[in-house]
N, C-alpha and C. Protein backbone atom coordinates (compact mmCIF):
# COMPACT_ATOMS: atom_id res chain seq x y z
N UNK A 1 112.34 81.35 65.40
CA UNK A 1 113.76 81.15 65.17
C UNK A 1 114.55 81.79 66.31
N UNK A 2 115.60 81.09 66.75
CA UNK A 2 116.49 81.60 67.79
C UNK A 2 117.77 82.16 67.16
N UNK A 3 118.41 83.03 67.92
CA UNK A 3 119.70 83.59 67.52
C UNK A 3 120.64 83.56 68.72
N UNK A 4 121.89 83.24 68.49
CA UNK A 4 122.90 83.16 69.55
C UNK A 4 124.16 83.83 69.04
N UNK A 5 124.84 84.59 69.91
CA UNK A 5 126.09 85.26 69.55
C UNK A 5 127.06 85.19 70.72
N UNK A 6 128.31 84.85 70.40
CA UNK A 6 129.34 84.83 71.43
C UNK A 6 130.68 85.14 70.79
N UNK A 7 131.54 85.84 71.53
CA UNK A 7 132.90 86.10 71.08
C UNK A 7 133.85 85.20 71.84
N UNK A 8 134.74 84.55 71.12
CA UNK A 8 135.80 83.75 71.70
C UNK A 8 137.10 84.54 71.57
N UNK A 9 137.88 84.62 72.62
CA UNK A 9 139.11 85.40 72.60
C UNK A 9 140.32 84.48 72.65
N UNK A 10 141.35 84.84 71.89
CA UNK A 10 142.59 84.06 71.82
C UNK A 10 143.78 85.01 71.88
N UNK A 11 144.85 84.54 72.50
CA UNK A 11 146.12 85.26 72.48
C UNK A 11 147.21 84.23 72.23
N UNK A 12 147.91 84.41 71.13
CA UNK A 12 148.95 83.45 70.76
C UNK A 12 150.30 83.91 71.27
N UNK A 13 151.19 82.95 71.48
CA UNK A 13 152.53 83.28 71.95
C UNK A 13 153.47 83.59 70.79
N UNK A 14 153.09 83.16 69.59
CA UNK A 14 153.93 83.41 68.42
C UNK A 14 153.22 84.26 67.39
N UNK A 15 153.95 84.67 66.39
CA UNK A 15 153.36 85.48 65.32
C UNK A 15 152.33 84.69 64.53
N UNK A 16 152.63 83.41 64.27
CA UNK A 16 151.70 82.56 63.52
C UNK A 16 151.40 81.31 64.33
N UNK A 17 150.12 80.94 64.30
CA UNK A 17 149.71 79.75 65.05
C UNK A 17 148.36 79.28 64.52
N UNK A 18 148.17 77.97 64.53
CA UNK A 18 146.88 77.38 64.20
C UNK A 18 146.33 76.75 65.47
N UNK A 19 145.08 77.10 65.81
CA UNK A 19 144.46 76.60 67.04
C UNK A 19 143.17 75.89 66.66
N UNK A 20 143.05 74.64 67.11
CA UNK A 20 141.81 73.90 66.91
C UNK A 20 140.78 74.45 67.90
N UNK A 21 139.75 75.12 67.37
CA UNK A 21 138.73 75.74 68.22
C UNK A 21 137.42 74.96 68.21
N UNK A 22 137.45 73.75 67.68
CA UNK A 22 136.24 72.94 67.60
C UNK A 22 135.58 72.76 68.98
N UNK A 23 136.31 72.42 70.04
CA UNK A 23 135.65 72.25 71.34
C UNK A 23 134.93 73.52 71.82
N UNK A 24 135.55 74.69 71.65
CA UNK A 24 134.93 75.94 72.06
C UNK A 24 133.67 76.22 71.25
N UNK A 25 133.73 75.93 69.95
CA UNK A 25 132.57 76.15 69.08
C UNK A 25 131.44 75.18 69.43
N UNK A 26 131.79 73.92 69.72
CA UNK A 26 130.77 72.95 70.13
C UNK A 26 130.12 73.37 71.44
N UNK A 27 130.88 73.98 72.34
CA UNK A 27 130.30 74.50 73.59
C UNK A 27 129.30 75.61 73.30
N UNK A 28 129.63 76.46 72.34
CA UNK A 28 128.69 77.51 71.95
C UNK A 28 127.38 76.91 71.43
N UNK A 29 127.50 75.88 70.62
CA UNK A 29 126.32 75.23 70.08
C UNK A 29 125.47 74.66 71.21
N UNK A 30 126.12 74.02 72.16
CA UNK A 30 125.39 73.45 73.30
C UNK A 30 124.69 74.56 74.10
N UNK A 31 125.41 75.66 74.37
CA UNK A 31 124.83 76.80 75.10
C UNK A 31 123.62 77.38 74.38
N UNK A 32 123.67 77.39 73.06
CA UNK A 32 122.61 78.02 72.27
C UNK A 32 121.29 77.27 72.34
N UNK A 33 121.35 75.97 72.53
CA UNK A 33 120.14 75.15 72.53
C UNK A 33 119.56 74.93 71.14
N UNK A 34 120.24 75.39 70.12
CA UNK A 34 119.74 75.26 68.75
C UNK A 34 120.07 73.87 68.22
N UNK A 35 119.06 73.21 67.65
CA UNK A 35 119.22 71.85 67.15
C UNK A 35 119.31 71.76 65.63
N UNK A 36 118.69 72.70 64.93
CA UNK A 36 118.68 72.72 63.46
C UNK A 36 118.94 74.16 63.02
N UNK A 37 119.97 74.36 62.21
CA UNK A 37 120.26 75.72 61.77
C UNK A 37 121.60 75.85 61.11
N UNK A 38 122.13 77.05 61.21
CA UNK A 38 123.40 77.40 60.59
C UNK A 38 124.26 78.15 61.60
N UNK A 39 125.56 77.86 61.57
CA UNK A 39 126.52 78.55 62.43
C UNK A 39 127.56 79.24 61.56
N UNK A 40 127.80 80.51 61.88
CA UNK A 40 128.88 81.28 61.26
C UNK A 40 129.98 81.42 62.29
N UNK A 41 131.21 81.13 61.90
CA UNK A 41 132.37 81.34 62.77
C UNK A 41 133.34 82.18 61.97
N UNK A 42 133.62 83.41 62.44
CA UNK A 42 134.53 84.25 61.67
C UNK A 42 135.51 85.02 62.54
N UNK A 43 136.69 85.21 61.96
CA UNK A 43 137.73 86.00 62.61
C UNK A 43 137.33 87.46 62.56
N UNK A 44 137.51 88.16 63.66
CA UNK A 44 137.15 89.57 63.75
C UNK A 44 138.37 90.48 63.58
N UNK A 45 139.42 89.93 62.99
CA UNK A 45 140.66 90.69 62.77
C UNK A 45 141.16 90.39 61.36
N UNK A 46 141.70 91.38 60.71
CA UNK A 46 142.06 91.30 59.30
C UNK A 46 143.33 90.48 59.05
N UNK A 47 144.01 90.08 60.10
CA UNK A 47 145.22 89.26 59.94
C UNK A 47 145.04 87.87 60.57
N UNK A 48 143.79 87.43 60.68
CA UNK A 48 143.49 86.11 61.22
C UNK A 48 142.44 85.44 60.35
N UNK A 49 142.30 84.14 60.51
CA UNK A 49 141.43 83.35 59.65
C UNK A 49 140.69 82.30 60.47
N UNK A 50 139.55 81.87 59.94
CA UNK A 50 138.86 80.69 60.45
C UNK A 50 138.60 79.79 59.26
N UNK A 51 138.95 78.51 59.40
CA UNK A 51 138.80 77.57 58.30
C UNK A 51 138.57 76.17 58.85
N UNK A 52 138.16 75.27 57.97
CA UNK A 52 137.92 73.87 58.35
C UNK A 52 138.90 72.99 57.60
N UNK A 53 139.52 72.07 58.35
CA UNK A 53 140.38 71.06 57.75
C UNK A 53 140.69 69.99 58.78
N UNK A 54 141.64 69.15 58.45
CA UNK A 54 142.06 68.03 59.29
C UNK A 54 143.03 68.54 60.37
N UNK A 55 142.93 68.00 61.57
CA UNK A 55 143.86 68.35 62.65
C UNK A 55 145.03 67.38 62.62
N UNK A 56 145.95 67.63 61.72
CA UNK A 56 147.09 66.74 61.50
C UNK A 56 148.36 67.59 61.47
N UNK A 57 149.34 67.33 62.36
CA UNK A 57 150.53 68.17 62.47
C UNK A 57 151.30 68.35 61.15
N UNK A 58 151.39 67.31 60.35
CA UNK A 58 152.09 67.44 59.07
C UNK A 58 151.40 68.45 58.16
N UNK A 59 150.08 68.43 58.16
CA UNK A 59 149.32 69.38 57.36
C UNK A 59 149.52 70.80 57.89
N UNK A 60 149.55 70.96 59.20
CA UNK A 60 149.78 72.28 59.78
C UNK A 60 151.14 72.82 59.35
N UNK A 61 152.15 71.97 59.35
CA UNK A 61 153.47 72.38 58.88
C UNK A 61 153.43 72.73 57.39
N UNK A 62 152.69 71.94 56.61
CA UNK A 62 152.55 72.23 55.18
C UNK A 62 151.92 73.60 54.95
N UNK A 63 150.92 73.95 55.76
CA UNK A 63 150.32 75.29 55.66
C UNK A 63 151.38 76.36 55.87
N UNK A 64 152.15 76.21 56.93
CA UNK A 64 153.18 77.20 57.26
C UNK A 64 154.16 77.37 56.11
N UNK A 65 154.65 76.28 55.58
CA UNK A 65 155.62 76.33 54.47
C UNK A 65 154.98 76.95 53.23
N UNK A 66 153.78 76.50 52.89
CA UNK A 66 153.09 76.97 51.69
C UNK A 66 152.76 78.46 51.78
N UNK A 67 152.20 78.86 52.92
CA UNK A 67 151.84 80.27 53.08
C UNK A 67 153.08 81.17 53.06
N UNK A 68 154.16 80.68 53.64
CA UNK A 68 155.39 81.49 53.65
C UNK A 68 155.97 81.63 52.24
N UNK A 69 155.76 80.63 51.40
CA UNK A 69 156.19 80.76 49.99
C UNK A 69 155.31 81.76 49.25
N UNK A 70 154.02 81.75 49.53
CA UNK A 70 153.09 82.67 48.86
C UNK A 70 153.30 84.12 49.30
N UNK A 71 153.49 84.31 50.61
CA UNK A 71 153.61 85.66 51.17
C UNK A 71 154.66 85.65 52.27
N UNK A 72 155.93 85.69 51.90
CA UNK A 72 156.98 85.63 52.92
C UNK A 72 156.94 86.83 53.86
N UNK A 73 157.17 86.55 55.13
CA UNK A 73 157.17 87.63 56.13
C UNK A 73 158.26 88.66 55.84
N UNK A 74 159.45 88.18 55.51
CA UNK A 74 160.60 89.07 55.31
C UNK A 74 161.14 88.92 53.90
N UNK A 75 161.78 89.92 53.35
CA UNK A 75 162.05 91.22 53.97
C UNK A 75 160.79 92.09 54.03
N UNK A 76 160.66 92.80 55.14
CA UNK A 76 159.49 93.65 55.33
C UNK A 76 159.37 94.71 54.23
N UNK A 77 160.51 95.11 53.70
CA UNK A 77 160.53 96.18 52.69
C UNK A 77 159.89 95.79 51.37
N UNK A 78 159.59 94.51 51.16
CA UNK A 78 158.99 94.09 49.90
C UNK A 78 157.53 94.51 49.76
N UNK A 79 156.92 94.95 50.85
CA UNK A 79 155.50 95.29 50.84
C UNK A 79 155.29 96.79 51.02
N UNK A 80 154.45 97.38 50.20
CA UNK A 80 154.13 98.80 50.34
C UNK A 80 153.35 99.08 51.62
N UNK A 81 152.57 98.11 52.09
CA UNK A 81 151.79 98.28 53.32
C UNK A 81 152.68 98.48 54.54
N UNK A 82 153.83 97.83 54.53
CA UNK A 82 154.71 97.88 55.69
C UNK A 82 155.38 99.25 55.78
N UNK A 83 155.09 99.93 56.82
CA UNK A 83 155.65 101.24 57.12
C UNK A 83 155.49 101.41 58.61
N UNK A 84 154.26 101.69 58.99
CA UNK A 84 153.93 101.77 60.42
C UNK A 84 153.91 100.38 61.04
N UNK A 85 153.46 99.37 60.26
CA UNK A 85 153.40 97.99 60.74
C UNK A 85 154.27 97.11 59.85
N UNK A 86 154.47 95.88 60.30
CA UNK A 86 155.26 94.92 59.50
C UNK A 86 154.44 93.66 59.22
N UNK A 87 153.15 93.83 58.95
CA UNK A 87 152.28 92.66 58.87
C UNK A 87 151.57 92.48 57.52
N UNK A 88 152.12 93.04 56.46
CA UNK A 88 151.49 92.88 55.15
C UNK A 88 151.33 91.40 54.80
N UNK A 89 152.33 90.60 55.12
CA UNK A 89 152.24 89.17 54.81
C UNK A 89 151.05 88.52 55.53
N UNK A 90 150.75 88.97 56.74
CA UNK A 90 149.63 88.41 57.50
C UNK A 90 148.29 88.73 56.83
N UNK A 91 148.17 89.92 56.26
CA UNK A 91 146.95 90.28 55.53
C UNK A 91 146.77 89.36 54.32
N UNK A 92 147.86 89.11 53.61
CA UNK A 92 147.79 88.26 52.42
C UNK A 92 147.48 86.81 52.79
N UNK A 93 148.10 86.32 53.86
CA UNK A 93 147.85 84.94 54.31
C UNK A 93 146.39 84.78 54.72
N UNK A 94 145.83 85.77 55.38
CA UNK A 94 144.43 85.71 55.77
C UNK A 94 143.53 85.65 54.55
N UNK A 95 143.87 86.41 53.51
CA UNK A 95 143.06 86.41 52.30
C UNK A 95 143.02 85.02 51.68
N UNK A 96 144.14 84.33 51.68
CA UNK A 96 144.23 82.98 51.11
C UNK A 96 143.44 81.99 51.97
N UNK A 97 143.54 82.09 53.29
CA UNK A 97 142.93 81.12 54.19
C UNK A 97 141.46 81.40 54.48
N UNK A 98 141.02 82.62 54.23
CA UNK A 98 139.60 82.95 54.40
C UNK A 98 139.27 83.55 55.73
N UNK A 99 138.16 84.27 55.75
CA UNK A 99 137.71 84.98 56.93
C UNK A 99 136.84 84.12 57.83
N UNK A 100 135.98 83.28 57.23
CA UNK A 100 134.99 82.57 58.04
C UNK A 100 134.65 81.21 57.46
N UNK A 101 133.85 80.51 58.26
CA UNK A 101 133.27 79.25 57.81
C UNK A 101 131.82 79.22 58.26
N UNK A 102 131.01 78.54 57.48
CA UNK A 102 129.60 78.35 57.81
C UNK A 102 129.38 76.85 57.92
N UNK A 103 128.71 76.43 59.00
CA UNK A 103 128.53 75.01 59.28
C UNK A 103 127.04 74.73 59.51
N UNK A 104 126.55 73.70 58.87
CA UNK A 104 125.17 73.25 59.11
C UNK A 104 125.09 72.61 60.49
N UNK A 105 123.97 72.80 61.14
CA UNK A 105 123.69 72.16 62.43
C UNK A 105 122.51 71.22 62.21
N UNK A 106 122.73 69.96 62.54
CA UNK A 106 121.70 68.94 62.36
C UNK A 106 121.64 68.09 63.63
N UNK A 107 120.48 67.99 64.19
CA UNK A 107 120.32 67.18 65.40
C UNK A 107 121.15 67.68 66.56
N UNK A 108 121.39 68.99 66.63
CA UNK A 108 122.17 69.57 67.73
C UNK A 108 123.66 69.37 67.62
N UNK A 109 124.14 68.93 66.45
CA UNK A 109 125.57 68.68 66.25
C UNK A 109 126.06 69.41 65.00
N UNK A 110 127.36 69.70 64.98
CA UNK A 110 127.98 70.24 63.78
C UNK A 110 127.92 69.16 62.71
N UNK A 111 127.42 69.50 61.55
CA UNK A 111 127.23 68.52 60.47
C UNK A 111 128.53 68.43 59.66
N UNK A 112 129.48 67.68 60.19
CA UNK A 112 130.84 67.57 59.65
C UNK A 112 131.07 66.27 58.91
N UNK A 113 132.04 66.31 58.01
CA UNK A 113 132.59 65.10 57.41
C UNK A 113 133.54 64.44 58.40
N UNK A 114 134.10 63.27 58.03
CA UNK A 114 134.86 62.44 58.97
C UNK A 114 136.01 63.12 59.72
N UNK A 115 136.79 63.98 59.10
CA UNK A 115 137.98 64.52 59.77
C UNK A 115 137.91 66.03 59.96
N UNK A 116 136.78 66.63 59.68
CA UNK A 116 136.69 68.09 59.71
C UNK A 116 136.74 68.65 61.14
N UNK A 117 137.55 69.68 61.29
CA UNK A 117 137.71 70.43 62.53
C UNK A 117 137.76 71.91 62.17
N UNK A 118 137.45 72.77 63.13
CA UNK A 118 137.47 74.22 62.91
C UNK A 118 138.76 74.78 63.51
N UNK A 119 139.43 75.62 62.73
CA UNK A 119 140.69 76.22 63.16
C UNK A 119 140.65 77.73 63.12
N UNK A 120 141.32 78.31 64.11
CA UNK A 120 141.64 79.74 64.10
C UNK A 120 143.08 79.84 63.63
N UNK A 121 143.29 80.56 62.55
CA UNK A 121 144.64 80.77 62.03
C UNK A 121 145.09 82.17 62.35
N UNK A 122 146.15 82.28 63.12
CA UNK A 122 146.71 83.59 63.50
C UNK A 122 147.97 83.84 62.68
N UNK A 123 148.04 84.99 62.04
CA UNK A 123 149.18 85.31 61.18
C UNK A 123 149.93 86.56 61.63
N UNK A 124 149.46 87.23 62.69
CA UNK A 124 150.13 88.41 63.25
C UNK A 124 149.78 88.49 64.72
N UNK A 125 150.27 87.52 65.47
CA UNK A 125 149.83 87.32 66.85
C UNK A 125 150.57 88.09 67.91
N UNK A 126 150.57 87.48 69.08
CA UNK A 126 151.15 88.00 70.31
C UNK A 126 150.29 89.12 70.91
N UNK A 127 148.99 89.05 70.67
CA UNK A 127 148.04 89.98 71.28
C UNK A 127 146.66 89.34 71.24
N UNK A 128 145.73 89.89 72.04
CA UNK A 128 144.38 89.32 72.11
C UNK A 128 143.62 89.61 70.83
N UNK A 129 142.94 88.57 70.32
CA UNK A 129 142.08 88.71 69.15
C UNK A 129 140.84 87.84 69.36
N UNK A 130 139.81 88.13 68.58
CA UNK A 130 138.54 87.45 68.82
C UNK A 130 137.96 86.81 67.58
N UNK A 131 137.12 85.83 67.85
CA UNK A 131 136.37 85.11 66.83
C UNK A 131 134.89 85.24 67.21
N UNK A 132 134.06 85.51 66.22
CA UNK A 132 132.62 85.60 66.43
C UNK A 132 131.97 84.28 66.09
N UNK A 133 131.10 83.81 66.97
CA UNK A 133 130.26 82.65 66.70
C UNK A 133 128.81 83.15 66.68
N UNK A 134 128.15 82.99 65.56
CA UNK A 134 126.75 83.41 65.40
C UNK A 134 125.96 82.19 64.92
N UNK A 135 124.92 81.85 65.65
CA UNK A 135 124.10 80.68 65.31
C UNK A 135 122.65 81.13 65.17
N UNK A 136 122.02 80.68 64.10
CA UNK A 136 120.59 80.93 63.93
C UNK A 136 119.90 79.62 63.58
N UNK A 137 118.73 79.45 64.12
CA UNK A 137 117.99 78.22 63.87
C UNK A 137 116.95 77.98 64.93
N UNK A 138 116.56 76.72 65.04
CA UNK A 138 115.54 76.35 66.03
C UNK A 138 115.97 75.16 66.85
């Protein structure tokens, strides 16, 4: 069995952003040489997420609106966590969106449904953050 590990780094220009990282992840799979196995892709920061869904702008906007209703950024004073930082909402949004995704690898390809893509969700950006790609298989 082979093992492959790589960190992908991202820096967003805004506080919140969704980035389609499917091409970068597919490059990792190609580099690994693994044809059959499992891939873990996870955010290495507590205010970011990795998830799978459709790459559709309307859906991305729906996420923003929905997440902001669930955990509004402001007023900052509504959260006990906010004192030294102002990112309690980002922690909550990450919890809802999830930390990681696991993808089957079949025939050297991501074993996806018709519209599935991998996204990095940033909820407290404007600085460098990383995603771990770990692949095991043969």
